[in-house]
């Protein structure tokens, strides 16, 4: 029976994919057809999941892994899509299939006659593809595909009300935080290649003897991998200091808040820790940090949740606090308890979010008729002063939002402003192009250069790539110039990696092919929009809302953005993984620079898309939302 079960794993990805494709083909006004396709897709997936789980239990709940598709195979490297199933996958499959079906049924009526009805169901099904890809993943590469899908669907769901400013702003904030998790996972994949000298599967990661033997050879690299896993998990599950993204994500519709940030997506950080637990369980530093992080988050998030005036924000921080406790359970080795706690928390938060509108209505009426003023006694005692201080810190959410601004946004913006002095307008275009041609000349005449210069050039060119994309991120005038700098960033990275002898022309072509195609498509969209509209720039942080008139073009431009990010829709996704395999472990600075570049590329592209196509429409011949909405 194990052979039969193994052959069925691919269906759990294939069914949502078919449903997503069918809803994309439906007219946006045909609500019945869209919702019934979603019903049938998620419903059949749930039935298959439950039948699969029954057969799995009858067979003695075995653990099994399969390689579904080999995308790239050489003597030194193999990239393949792999699926893995064990009790962790079983719990997440049961919870995810039931809750996603519940929310799909709920959403049919909740979103009736919304302008984005079709878009919502498309995004939910796309999210479900990513969720199943993660929980069934058999290696880090497959997991990263689902991880990226969840990142972009989070942006689309939070910014569902795309004609309003605040949802778009918060969507960009959350996407920024998620890119930090992406960087952590990219570095995990890179370091794992060098630690294991292969594309490691999770079935091998579950072998204690093999893990112990491997870590003995390089314990420092093992600790770094554990820390990056913790970083990715902490970001995804909203642990300190990244907790503030969870309530910001509640700007989307209530059903998406329930399924995404109340139950499924927010627990994937726990999933990552559980899946890799045999790797880091014997690393005291990592275990201690997981416990410390979980306890601190549980205390701080509980305090914040007690003083929130919004019910969805209260639920968000309460969920974060519970996940902090789950982190502690995982670190202490209470494997089954953590799974049970995760499932219970997911069910509870989904229920709370779905009934939150009714709860607010009831509490408003109850407060109106039964309000009892609170008596304040002994206001000036030491205990009360401490209580008031904790209260004010909680009201301000312990300034968690300021953390991201201080350590990320402000430095990036400061560097960008300095770069505007030399790389603005046509001058910037000419300088960037001239420098790149000079870099190409260095590659062609590489043998004529001193050995020391040859070793230094890859890091220098990678640093130039980072500078170029920082300029793209800070560009305030021309979206075409910002787009050009993103393309130049990828070209500089390709140039930097070309200095390594083991890199083949085929690998460079794989990386560049998707970049150039996406770059041309995106540039054509910007040029066409520029010819149709008087004003197309990046000045207004509220956005220009051109999606109102050019929704088709906005969708094509979004696909081009995803292609330039290295999203798994072009060969460039594979190319990025190939690039990191050639970076040696003693080139940590080079690896970090490249990881930062890829992260900021994503932020720059989403910023361009948001400021041009999202937000309140610049034309007012129709009703537009208030500026503060």
Foldseek 3Di string as FASTA:
>chain_A
DVVVLQVCLVVLLVLLVVLLVVLVPDDLVCLVVNLVSLLVSLVVSLVVLVVSVVVCVVVVQDKDKDFDAWDDDDPQATDTWMFIDGVLLSLLSNLQSVLLNVLSVVLSVVCPPPSCSSVVSSLSSLLSSLLSQLSGTFALLSNLQSLVSLLVSLLCQQCVVQAAQLSNVLSLVLSLLSLQLVLLSLVLQLLVCVLVSYRDTLVQLPDLVSLVVSCVVPVPSLVSSLVSLLSNLCSQQLFPLNVVSLLSSVNGDLSCNLSCQQARRNCVSVVSCLSNVSNCLPPVVSLVVLLVRLQVLLVLLCLLLVQDPAQSSNSNSNLSNLVSVLSNCVSVPVNVVSSVSSSVRSVVRSVCSSCVVVVVVVVVVCCVVPPDDDDDDPCPDPVNVVVVVSNVCSPCSVVSVVVCCVPPVVVLLVLLVVVCVQQDDPRVVVVLVVVLVVLVVCVVPVVVDDPVCLVCQLLVLLVVLLSLQSNLQNFWFDVLSSLVSLLSSQSSNLSSLSSDPVDDPVLSCLQNVLLVVLSVLLNVLSVVVVVVDVDQTRNDSQAAAQCVPPVVSLVSNVVSLCSSLLNPPGSNVVSVSVSSNRDDPVPVSSSSSNSSSSSSSSSSSSSSSSRYNGYNHPDPPDDGDDNVD
